[in-house]
N, C-alpha and C. Protein backbone atom coordinates (compact mmCIF):
# COMPACT_ATOMS: atom_id res chain seq x y z
N UNK A 1 -2.62 19.84 -10.92
CA UNK A 1 -2.13 18.72 -10.14
C UNK A 1 -2.97 17.48 -10.50
N UNK A 2 -2.29 16.40 -10.81
CA UNK A 2 -2.95 15.14 -11.14
C UNK A 2 -2.68 14.14 -10.01
N UNK A 3 -3.75 13.51 -9.57
CA UNK A 3 -3.68 12.59 -8.45
C UNK A 3 -3.95 11.16 -8.90
N UNK A 4 -3.22 10.22 -8.32
CA UNK A 4 -3.45 8.79 -8.58
C UNK A 4 -3.59 8.06 -7.25
N UNK A 5 -4.37 7.01 -7.27
CA UNK A 5 -4.47 6.10 -6.12
C UNK A 5 -3.41 5.02 -6.28
N UNK A 6 -2.62 4.83 -5.24
CA UNK A 6 -1.61 3.79 -5.23
C UNK A 6 -1.99 2.77 -4.17
N UNK A 7 -2.31 1.56 -4.61
CA UNK A 7 -2.68 0.47 -3.71
C UNK A 7 -1.48 -0.46 -3.58
N UNK A 8 -0.92 -0.53 -2.36
CA UNK A 8 0.33 -1.24 -2.14
C UNK A 8 0.08 -2.59 -1.48
N UNK A 9 0.42 -3.66 -2.18
CA UNK A 9 0.50 -5.01 -1.61
C UNK A 9 -0.76 -5.50 -0.91
N UNK A 10 -1.91 -5.18 -1.43
CA UNK A 10 -3.15 -5.70 -0.84
C UNK A 10 -3.37 -7.07 -1.48
N UNK A 11 -2.67 -8.05 -0.91
CA UNK A 11 -2.56 -9.38 -1.49
C UNK A 11 -3.05 -10.45 -0.52
N UNK A 12 -3.45 -11.58 -1.07
CA UNK A 12 -4.11 -12.63 -0.31
C UNK A 12 -3.35 -13.13 0.91
N UNK A 13 -2.03 -13.19 0.86
CA UNK A 13 -1.28 -13.70 2.01
C UNK A 13 -1.48 -12.88 3.27
N UNK A 14 -1.92 -11.64 3.16
CA UNK A 14 -2.16 -10.79 4.32
C UNK A 14 -3.54 -10.97 4.93
N UNK A 15 -4.39 -11.77 4.30
CA UNK A 15 -5.77 -11.96 4.75
C UNK A 15 -5.93 -13.34 5.40
N UNK A 16 -7.00 -13.53 6.18
CA UNK A 16 -7.21 -14.85 6.79
C UNK A 16 -7.07 -15.97 5.75
N UNK A 17 -6.32 -17.00 6.13
CA UNK A 17 -6.02 -18.10 5.23
C UNK A 17 -4.67 -17.94 4.55
N UNK A 18 -4.10 -16.74 4.62
CA UNK A 18 -2.79 -16.48 4.03
C UNK A 18 -1.67 -16.84 4.98
N UNK A 19 -0.45 -16.67 4.54
CA UNK A 19 0.71 -17.07 5.34
C UNK A 19 1.31 -15.95 6.19
N UNK A 20 0.78 -14.71 6.07
CA UNK A 20 1.26 -13.58 6.88
C UNK A 20 0.07 -12.67 7.20
N UNK A 21 -0.88 -13.20 7.92
CA UNK A 21 -2.13 -12.49 8.20
C UNK A 21 -1.85 -11.25 9.06
N UNK A 22 -2.38 -10.12 8.62
CA UNK A 22 -2.22 -8.87 9.35
C UNK A 22 -3.45 -8.57 10.19
N UNK A 23 -3.22 -7.87 11.29
CA UNK A 23 -4.34 -7.45 12.12
C UNK A 23 -5.15 -6.39 11.38
N UNK A 24 -6.44 -6.62 11.26
CA UNK A 24 -7.31 -5.65 10.61
C UNK A 24 -7.26 -5.66 9.09
N UNK A 25 -6.68 -6.70 8.50
CA UNK A 25 -6.55 -6.71 7.04
C UNK A 25 -7.90 -6.71 6.33
N UNK A 26 -8.86 -7.43 6.88
CA UNK A 26 -10.17 -7.47 6.21
C UNK A 26 -10.84 -6.10 6.21
N UNK A 27 -10.79 -5.42 7.34
CA UNK A 27 -11.40 -4.09 7.43
C UNK A 27 -10.65 -3.09 6.56
N UNK A 28 -9.33 -3.09 6.64
CA UNK A 28 -8.53 -2.17 5.82
C UNK A 28 -8.72 -2.47 4.34
N UNK A 29 -8.78 -3.75 3.98
CA UNK A 29 -9.00 -4.12 2.58
C UNK A 29 -10.35 -3.65 2.07
N UNK A 30 -11.38 -3.76 2.92
CA UNK A 30 -12.72 -3.30 2.52
C UNK A 30 -12.72 -1.78 2.32
N UNK A 31 -12.04 -1.07 3.20
CA UNK A 31 -11.96 0.39 3.05
C UNK A 31 -11.16 0.76 1.79
N UNK A 32 -10.10 0.03 1.52
CA UNK A 32 -9.33 0.27 0.29
C UNK A 32 -10.21 0.03 -0.93
N UNK A 33 -11.08 -0.97 -0.86
CA UNK A 33 -12.02 -1.22 -1.95
C UNK A 33 -12.97 -0.05 -2.17
N UNK A 34 -13.41 0.59 -1.09
CA UNK A 34 -14.28 1.77 -1.21
C UNK A 34 -13.51 2.95 -1.82
N UNK A 35 -12.27 3.10 -1.42
CA UNK A 35 -11.43 4.16 -1.98
C UNK A 35 -11.20 3.92 -3.47
N UNK A 36 -10.93 2.67 -3.82
CA UNK A 36 -10.76 2.30 -5.23
C UNK A 36 -12.02 2.63 -6.03
N UNK A 37 -13.17 2.29 -5.51
CA UNK A 37 -14.44 2.58 -6.20
C UNK A 37 -14.61 4.08 -6.41
N UNK A 38 -14.23 4.89 -5.42
CA UNK A 38 -14.35 6.34 -5.54
C UNK A 38 -13.42 6.88 -6.62
N UNK A 39 -12.20 6.36 -6.69
CA UNK A 39 -11.27 6.81 -7.73
C UNK A 39 -11.76 6.39 -9.11
N UNK A 40 -12.29 5.19 -9.22
CA UNK A 40 -12.82 4.75 -10.51
C UNK A 40 -14.00 5.61 -10.92
N UNK A 41 -14.88 5.90 -9.98
CA UNK A 41 -16.06 6.72 -10.26
C UNK A 41 -15.64 8.13 -10.73
N UNK A 42 -14.58 8.67 -10.11
CA UNK A 42 -14.09 10.00 -10.47
C UNK A 42 -13.19 9.96 -11.71
N UNK A 43 -12.98 8.76 -12.25
CA UNK A 43 -12.13 8.55 -13.43
C UNK A 43 -10.72 9.08 -13.21
N UNK A 44 -10.19 8.83 -12.01
CA UNK A 44 -8.81 9.19 -11.70
C UNK A 44 -7.94 7.95 -11.77
N UNK A 45 -6.67 8.16 -11.98
CA UNK A 45 -5.72 7.06 -12.18
C UNK A 45 -5.63 6.16 -10.95
N UNK A 46 -5.48 4.88 -11.23
CA UNK A 46 -5.31 3.86 -10.19
C UNK A 46 -4.10 3.01 -10.59
N UNK A 47 -3.22 2.78 -9.62
CA UNK A 47 -2.04 1.94 -9.85
C UNK A 47 -1.96 0.91 -8.72
N UNK A 48 -1.80 -0.34 -9.11
CA UNK A 48 -1.68 -1.43 -8.14
C UNK A 48 -0.21 -1.84 -8.03
N UNK A 49 0.23 -2.07 -6.80
CA UNK A 49 1.58 -2.58 -6.56
C UNK A 49 1.44 -4.00 -6.03
N UNK A 50 2.19 -4.91 -6.62
CA UNK A 50 2.16 -6.33 -6.22
C UNK A 50 3.58 -6.77 -5.87
N UNK A 51 3.74 -7.18 -4.62
CA UNK A 51 5.05 -7.65 -4.17
C UNK A 51 5.19 -9.13 -4.49
N UNK A 52 6.27 -9.49 -5.15
CA UNK A 52 6.61 -10.89 -5.39
C UNK A 52 7.98 -11.11 -4.76
N UNK A 53 8.04 -12.02 -3.81
CA UNK A 53 9.27 -12.23 -3.06
C UNK A 53 10.22 -13.17 -3.80
N UNK A 54 11.42 -12.68 -4.00
CA UNK A 54 12.46 -13.49 -4.63
C UNK A 54 13.56 -13.84 -3.63
N UNK A 55 13.37 -13.38 -2.39
CA UNK A 55 14.38 -13.59 -1.34
C UNK A 55 14.40 -15.05 -0.92
N UNK A 56 15.57 -15.68 -0.87
CA UNK A 56 15.64 -17.07 -0.41
C UNK A 56 15.06 -17.21 1.00
N UNK A 57 14.27 -18.25 1.19
CA UNK A 57 13.66 -18.50 2.49
C UNK A 57 12.35 -17.77 2.72
N UNK A 58 11.88 -17.00 1.75
CA UNK A 58 10.61 -16.29 1.90
C UNK A 58 9.47 -17.28 2.11
N UNK A 59 8.50 -16.84 2.90
CA UNK A 59 7.35 -17.71 3.20
C UNK A 59 6.04 -17.15 2.68
N UNK A 60 6.06 -15.93 2.14
CA UNK A 60 4.83 -15.36 1.60
C UNK A 60 5.15 -14.53 0.36
N UNK A 61 4.09 -14.25 -0.41
CA UNK A 61 4.19 -13.55 -1.70
C UNK A 61 5.09 -14.29 -2.67
N UNK A 62 5.05 -15.60 -2.61
CA UNK A 62 5.86 -16.41 -3.52
C UNK A 62 5.24 -16.38 -4.91
N UNK A 63 6.04 -16.09 -5.93
CA UNK A 63 5.50 -16.02 -7.29
C UNK A 63 4.74 -17.29 -7.68
N UNK A 64 3.62 -17.08 -8.34
CA UNK A 64 2.82 -18.20 -8.83
C UNK A 64 1.90 -18.81 -7.80
N UNK A 65 1.86 -18.28 -6.58
CA UNK A 65 0.97 -18.83 -5.55
C UNK A 65 -0.27 -17.96 -5.40
N UNK A 66 -1.38 -18.56 -4.93
CA UNK A 66 -2.59 -17.76 -4.69
C UNK A 66 -2.36 -16.63 -3.67
N UNK A 67 -1.47 -16.85 -2.72
CA UNK A 67 -1.20 -15.83 -1.71
C UNK A 67 -0.59 -14.56 -2.28
N UNK A 68 0.10 -14.66 -3.38
CA UNK A 68 0.74 -13.50 -4.00
C UNK A 68 -0.23 -12.70 -4.87
N UNK A 69 -1.40 -13.25 -5.13
CA UNK A 69 -2.37 -12.57 -5.98
C UNK A 69 -2.98 -11.38 -5.26
N UNK A 70 -3.33 -10.34 -6.01
CA UNK A 70 -4.00 -9.17 -5.46
C UNK A 70 -5.38 -9.61 -4.97
N UNK A 71 -5.75 -9.15 -3.79
CA UNK A 71 -7.01 -9.54 -3.16
C UNK A 71 -8.19 -9.13 -4.04
N UNK A 72 -9.21 -9.97 -4.08
CA UNK A 72 -10.38 -9.74 -4.93
C UNK A 72 -11.07 -8.41 -4.64
N UNK A 73 -11.01 -7.94 -3.40
CA UNK A 73 -11.68 -6.69 -3.04
C UNK A 73 -11.09 -5.45 -3.69
N UNK A 74 -9.89 -5.58 -4.23
CA UNK A 74 -9.24 -4.45 -4.93
C UNK A 74 -8.64 -4.92 -6.26
N UNK A 75 -9.24 -5.92 -6.85
CA UNK A 75 -8.71 -6.51 -8.08
C UNK A 75 -8.62 -5.46 -9.19
N UNK A 76 -7.50 -5.48 -9.91
CA UNK A 76 -7.32 -4.52 -11.01
C UNK A 76 -8.34 -4.74 -12.13
N UNK A 77 -8.70 -3.64 -12.76
CA UNK A 77 -9.53 -3.69 -13.96
C UNK A 77 -8.63 -3.42 -15.17
N UNK A 78 -9.15 -3.72 -16.33
CA UNK A 78 -8.41 -3.46 -17.57
C UNK A 78 -7.98 -1.99 -17.60
N UNK A 79 -6.73 -1.77 -17.95
CA UNK A 79 -6.20 -0.42 -18.06
C UNK A 79 -5.55 0.09 -16.79
N UNK A 80 -5.73 -0.59 -15.67
CA UNK A 80 -5.08 -0.19 -14.42
C UNK A 80 -3.74 -0.90 -14.30
N UNK A 81 -2.66 -0.16 -14.30
CA UNK A 81 -1.34 -0.82 -14.23
C UNK A 81 -1.15 -1.61 -12.95
N UNK A 82 -0.50 -2.76 -13.09
CA UNK A 82 -0.06 -3.56 -11.96
C UNK A 82 1.47 -3.59 -12.05
N UNK A 83 2.11 -3.01 -11.05
CA UNK A 83 3.56 -2.92 -11.05
C UNK A 83 4.10 -3.91 -10.03
N UNK A 84 4.94 -4.83 -10.51
CA UNK A 84 5.55 -5.82 -9.62
C UNK A 84 6.78 -5.23 -8.97
N UNK A 85 6.96 -5.56 -7.70
CA UNK A 85 8.15 -5.12 -6.99
C UNK A 85 8.71 -6.27 -6.18
N UNK A 86 9.97 -6.09 -5.77
CA UNK A 86 10.66 -7.13 -5.00
C UNK A 86 11.28 -6.58 -3.72
N UNK A 87 11.05 -5.30 -3.44
CA UNK A 87 11.58 -4.64 -2.26
C UNK A 87 10.46 -3.86 -1.59
N UNK A 88 10.62 -3.45 -0.34
CA UNK A 88 9.57 -2.67 0.32
C UNK A 88 9.23 -1.36 -0.39
N UNK A 89 10.21 -0.65 -0.90
CA UNK A 89 10.01 0.61 -1.60
C UNK A 89 9.44 0.33 -2.99
N UNK A 90 8.23 0.80 -3.25
CA UNK A 90 7.56 0.54 -4.53
C UNK A 90 8.25 1.17 -5.72
N UNK A 91 9.18 2.09 -5.48
CA UNK A 91 9.91 2.73 -6.57
C UNK A 91 11.18 1.98 -6.94
N UNK A 92 11.72 1.20 -6.01
CA UNK A 92 13.02 0.56 -6.23
C UNK A 92 12.95 -0.51 -7.33
N UNK A 93 13.71 -0.27 -8.38
CA UNK A 93 13.82 -1.21 -9.50
C UNK A 93 12.46 -1.59 -10.09
N UNK A 94 11.56 -0.58 -10.17
CA UNK A 94 10.25 -0.80 -10.80
C UNK A 94 10.00 0.31 -11.83
N UNK A 95 8.87 0.22 -12.48
CA UNK A 95 8.46 1.23 -13.46
C UNK A 95 7.52 2.27 -12.86
N UNK A 96 7.40 2.30 -11.53
CA UNK A 96 6.43 3.21 -10.91
C UNK A 96 6.68 4.67 -11.28
N UNK A 97 7.88 5.16 -11.14
CA UNK A 97 8.14 6.57 -11.44
C UNK A 97 7.85 6.88 -12.91
N UNK A 98 8.25 6.01 -13.80
CA UNK A 98 7.98 6.23 -15.23
C UNK A 98 6.47 6.25 -15.49
N UNK A 99 5.74 5.38 -14.82
CA UNK A 99 4.28 5.34 -14.97
C UNK A 99 3.65 6.63 -14.48
N UNK A 100 4.11 7.13 -13.33
CA UNK A 100 3.58 8.38 -12.80
C UNK A 100 3.87 9.55 -13.73
N UNK A 101 5.09 9.60 -14.25
CA UNK A 101 5.46 10.68 -15.18
C UNK A 101 4.61 10.61 -16.44
N UNK A 102 4.43 9.41 -16.96
CA UNK A 102 3.63 9.21 -18.17
C UNK A 102 2.20 9.72 -17.97
N UNK A 103 1.66 9.54 -16.77
CA UNK A 103 0.29 9.95 -16.47
C UNK A 103 0.22 11.38 -15.94
N UNK A 104 1.37 12.03 -15.77
CA UNK A 104 1.39 13.39 -15.26
C UNK A 104 0.99 13.51 -13.79
N UNK A 105 1.24 12.47 -13.03
CA UNK A 105 0.84 12.42 -11.62
C UNK A 105 1.90 13.09 -10.75
N UNK A 106 1.44 13.99 -9.87
CA UNK A 106 2.34 14.60 -8.90
C UNK A 106 1.83 14.47 -7.47
N UNK A 107 0.73 13.76 -7.30
CA UNK A 107 0.18 13.51 -5.97
C UNK A 107 -0.33 12.08 -5.90
N UNK A 108 -0.02 11.41 -4.79
CA UNK A 108 -0.49 10.04 -4.56
C UNK A 108 -1.41 9.99 -3.36
N UNK A 109 -2.48 9.25 -3.49
CA UNK A 109 -3.28 8.82 -2.35
C UNK A 109 -2.93 7.36 -2.17
N UNK A 110 -2.51 7.00 -0.97
CA UNK A 110 -1.94 5.68 -0.73
C UNK A 110 -2.76 4.89 0.28
N UNK A 111 -2.97 3.63 -0.04
CA UNK A 111 -3.57 2.65 0.88
C UNK A 111 -2.78 1.37 0.70
N UNK A 112 -2.67 0.57 1.76
CA UNK A 112 -1.97 -0.69 1.55
C UNK A 112 -1.44 -1.35 2.79
N UNK A 113 -0.55 -2.27 2.56
CA UNK A 113 -0.06 -3.15 3.60
C UNK A 113 1.42 -3.44 3.36
N UNK A 114 2.24 -3.57 4.31
CA UNK A 114 2.13 -3.32 5.73
C UNK A 114 2.51 -1.87 6.01
N UNK A 115 1.80 -1.27 6.95
CA UNK A 115 2.04 0.13 7.30
C UNK A 115 3.51 0.37 7.62
N UNK A 116 4.09 -0.50 8.44
CA UNK A 116 5.45 -0.26 8.94
C UNK A 116 6.54 -0.63 7.93
N UNK A 117 6.19 -1.22 6.84
CA UNK A 117 7.21 -1.68 5.90
C UNK A 117 7.02 -1.01 4.54
N UNK A 118 6.17 -1.56 3.71
CA UNK A 118 6.07 -1.09 2.33
C UNK A 118 5.37 0.25 2.19
N UNK A 119 4.36 0.51 3.02
CA UNK A 119 3.71 1.82 2.98
C UNK A 119 4.72 2.88 3.41
N UNK A 120 5.38 2.65 4.53
CA UNK A 120 6.38 3.60 5.03
C UNK A 120 7.48 3.85 4.00
N UNK A 121 8.07 2.80 3.48
CA UNK A 121 9.18 2.94 2.52
C UNK A 121 8.74 3.69 1.26
N UNK A 122 7.55 3.41 0.79
CA UNK A 122 7.06 4.05 -0.43
C UNK A 122 6.73 5.52 -0.22
N UNK A 123 6.10 5.84 0.91
CA UNK A 123 5.78 7.24 1.20
C UNK A 123 7.06 8.07 1.30
N UNK A 124 8.05 7.55 2.01
CA UNK A 124 9.30 8.29 2.16
C UNK A 124 10.00 8.50 0.81
N UNK A 125 9.99 7.47 -0.03
CA UNK A 125 10.60 7.59 -1.35
C UNK A 125 9.83 8.58 -2.22
N UNK A 126 8.50 8.52 -2.17
CA UNK A 126 7.69 9.45 -2.96
C UNK A 126 8.01 10.90 -2.58
N UNK A 127 8.11 11.15 -1.29
CA UNK A 127 8.48 12.48 -0.81
C UNK A 127 9.84 12.89 -1.39
N UNK A 128 10.80 11.98 -1.34
CA UNK A 128 12.14 12.28 -1.86
C UNK A 128 12.12 12.57 -3.36
N UNK A 129 11.15 12.02 -4.07
CA UNK A 129 11.00 12.29 -5.50
C UNK A 129 10.16 13.54 -5.78
N UNK A 130 9.74 14.21 -4.71
CA UNK A 130 8.99 15.46 -4.88
C UNK A 130 7.50 15.29 -5.07
N UNK A 131 6.99 14.11 -4.78
CA UNK A 131 5.55 13.87 -4.91
C UNK A 131 4.84 14.22 -3.61
N UNK A 132 3.65 14.74 -3.72
CA UNK A 132 2.80 15.00 -2.57
C UNK A 132 2.05 13.70 -2.27
N UNK A 133 1.91 13.38 -0.99
CA UNK A 133 1.23 12.13 -0.60
C UNK A 133 0.15 12.39 0.44
N UNK A 134 -0.91 11.60 0.33
CA UNK A 134 -1.94 11.52 1.37
C UNK A 134 -2.15 10.03 1.63
N UNK A 135 -2.10 9.63 2.88
CA UNK A 135 -2.30 8.23 3.23
C UNK A 135 -3.66 8.04 3.87
N UNK A 136 -4.40 7.07 3.37
CA UNK A 136 -5.68 6.68 3.97
C UNK A 136 -5.37 5.77 5.15
N UNK A 137 -5.25 6.35 6.32
CA UNK A 137 -4.79 5.60 7.49
C UNK A 137 -5.68 4.43 7.85
N UNK A 138 -6.96 4.51 7.52
CA UNK A 138 -7.87 3.42 7.86
C UNK A 138 -7.96 2.35 6.77
N UNK A 139 -7.16 2.51 5.71
CA UNK A 139 -7.10 1.52 4.63
C UNK A 139 -5.69 0.93 4.56
N UNK A 140 -5.04 0.87 5.71
CA UNK A 140 -3.71 0.26 5.84
C UNK A 140 -3.76 -0.70 7.02
N UNK A 141 -2.90 -1.69 6.99
CA UNK A 141 -2.85 -2.66 8.09
C UNK A 141 -1.41 -3.12 8.31
N UNK A 142 -1.16 -3.63 9.51
CA UNK A 142 0.16 -4.14 9.84
C UNK A 142 0.03 -5.29 10.84
N UNK A 143 1.10 -5.61 11.53
CA UNK A 143 1.09 -6.73 12.47
C UNK A 143 1.90 -6.37 13.71
N UNK A 144 1.78 -7.21 14.71
CA UNK A 144 2.60 -7.05 15.91
C UNK A 144 4.07 -7.20 15.51
N UNK A 145 4.93 -6.46 16.21
CA UNK A 145 6.36 -6.60 16.04
C UNK A 145 6.99 -6.87 17.40
N UNK A 146 8.17 -7.43 17.39
CA UNK A 146 8.89 -7.68 18.64
C UNK A 146 10.17 -6.84 18.63
N UNK A 147 10.39 -6.13 19.74
CA UNK A 147 11.60 -5.36 19.91
C UNK A 147 12.12 -5.56 21.33
N UNK A 148 13.36 -5.96 21.42
CA UNK A 148 14.02 -6.12 22.71
C UNK A 148 13.22 -7.03 23.65
N UNK A 149 12.64 -8.08 23.06
CA UNK A 149 11.89 -9.04 23.83
C UNK A 149 10.46 -8.63 24.17
N UNK A 150 10.05 -7.47 23.73
CA UNK A 150 8.70 -6.97 24.01
C UNK A 150 7.86 -6.98 22.74
N UNK A 151 6.63 -7.49 22.83
CA UNK A 151 5.72 -7.46 21.70
C UNK A 151 5.05 -6.10 21.62
N UNK A 152 5.18 -5.47 20.46
CA UNK A 152 4.55 -4.18 20.21
C UNK A 152 3.27 -4.47 19.43
N UNK A 153 2.09 -4.17 20.00
CA UNK A 153 0.84 -4.47 19.32
C UNK A 153 0.71 -3.77 17.97
N UNK A 154 0.05 -4.41 17.04
CA UNK A 154 -0.11 -3.88 15.69
C UNK A 154 -0.68 -2.46 15.69
N UNK A 155 -1.65 -2.20 16.55
CA UNK A 155 -2.24 -0.85 16.59
C UNK A 155 -1.20 0.19 16.96
N UNK A 156 -0.26 -0.17 17.84
CA UNK A 156 0.80 0.77 18.23
C UNK A 156 1.82 0.93 17.11
N UNK A 157 2.15 -0.17 16.44
CA UNK A 157 3.06 -0.11 15.29
C UNK A 157 2.47 0.80 14.22
N UNK A 158 1.20 0.57 13.89
CA UNK A 158 0.48 1.35 12.89
C UNK A 158 0.51 2.83 13.26
N UNK A 159 0.13 3.13 14.49
CA UNK A 159 0.08 4.52 14.94
C UNK A 159 1.43 5.19 14.96
N UNK A 160 2.45 4.47 15.43
CA UNK A 160 3.79 5.06 15.51
C UNK A 160 4.35 5.38 14.13
N UNK A 161 4.18 4.46 13.19
CA UNK A 161 4.72 4.71 11.85
C UNK A 161 3.97 5.84 11.15
N UNK A 162 2.65 5.87 11.28
CA UNK A 162 1.90 6.96 10.65
C UNK A 162 2.20 8.29 11.31
N UNK A 163 2.35 8.30 12.63
CA UNK A 163 2.70 9.54 13.33
C UNK A 163 4.04 10.06 12.85
N UNK A 164 4.99 9.16 12.59
CA UNK A 164 6.31 9.57 12.12
C UNK A 164 6.25 10.14 10.70
N UNK A 165 5.32 9.67 9.89
CA UNK A 165 5.20 10.15 8.51
C UNK A 165 4.42 11.46 8.42
N UNK A 166 3.49 11.65 9.34
CA UNK A 166 2.57 12.78 9.28
C UNK A 166 3.31 14.11 9.35
N UNK A 167 2.89 15.00 8.51
CA UNK A 167 3.43 16.35 8.54
C UNK A 167 4.51 16.58 7.51
N UNK A 168 5.64 15.90 7.65
CA UNK A 168 6.75 16.09 6.70
C UNK A 168 6.53 15.28 5.43
N UNK A 169 6.29 13.98 5.59
CA UNK A 169 6.23 13.08 4.44
C UNK A 169 4.84 12.96 3.81
N UNK A 170 3.81 13.15 4.60
CA UNK A 170 2.45 12.92 4.09
C UNK A 170 1.45 13.64 4.98
N UNK A 171 0.24 13.74 4.47
CA UNK A 171 -0.89 14.08 5.32
C UNK A 171 -1.70 12.80 5.47
N UNK A 172 -2.38 12.70 6.57
CA UNK A 172 -3.18 11.50 6.85
C UNK A 172 -4.66 11.87 6.84
N UNK A 173 -5.46 10.91 6.42
CA UNK A 173 -6.91 11.10 6.46
C UNK A 173 -7.58 9.76 6.36
N UNK A 174 -8.85 9.74 6.72
CA UNK A 174 -9.64 8.52 6.54
C UNK A 174 -9.96 8.37 5.05
N UNK A 175 -10.48 7.21 4.69
CA UNK A 175 -10.89 7.00 3.29
C UNK A 175 -11.86 8.11 2.86
N UNK A 176 -12.80 8.45 3.71
CA UNK A 176 -13.75 9.51 3.37
C UNK A 176 -13.05 10.84 3.13
N UNK A 177 -11.99 11.11 3.87
CA UNK A 177 -11.29 12.39 3.76
C UNK A 177 -10.35 12.48 2.56
N UNK A 178 -9.83 11.36 2.10
CA UNK A 178 -8.89 11.39 0.97
C UNK A 178 -9.52 10.98 -0.36
N UNK A 179 -10.79 10.62 -0.34
CA UNK A 179 -11.48 10.22 -1.59
C UNK A 179 -11.72 11.43 -2.47
N UNK A 180 -11.71 11.20 -3.77
CA UNK A 180 -11.97 12.32 -4.70
C UNK A 180 -13.42 12.79 -4.60
């Protein structure tokens, strides 16, 4: 079994000063950086996912802006693929599956942003493609959502989405638990 680290959308717009700041992004980003260092130290594959929004009216991840750049705390090194995507699912209309096949990867350790959107969509798709997944729950972040006039706090959104994924789609662990 070959494992790769998949870092999803850890980009500047999600951090303070960006246009879509997430709750806990700095802490989650720092933990993702530690996970990245562990994978590099173990000489295991690392793949970065970068969302570039092409949707009319988008306000963040606009191509060519500093906000769309991968955050410095998890900046890619030479030889680490950066796969651009335009949808929440990191597999949709990208080279991710081909890259995984080329590297012989059948298991993903995932960290990233937003828990309720791109992390969720990617984990579910990975499962459907027969890949085993482990999510570093403390290296993911999200934001408050509104439903039926009620604000759902980010911590509840994060917990609900991870709870829904746990067991069938993925196993969950802290950065320390999923590190090589």
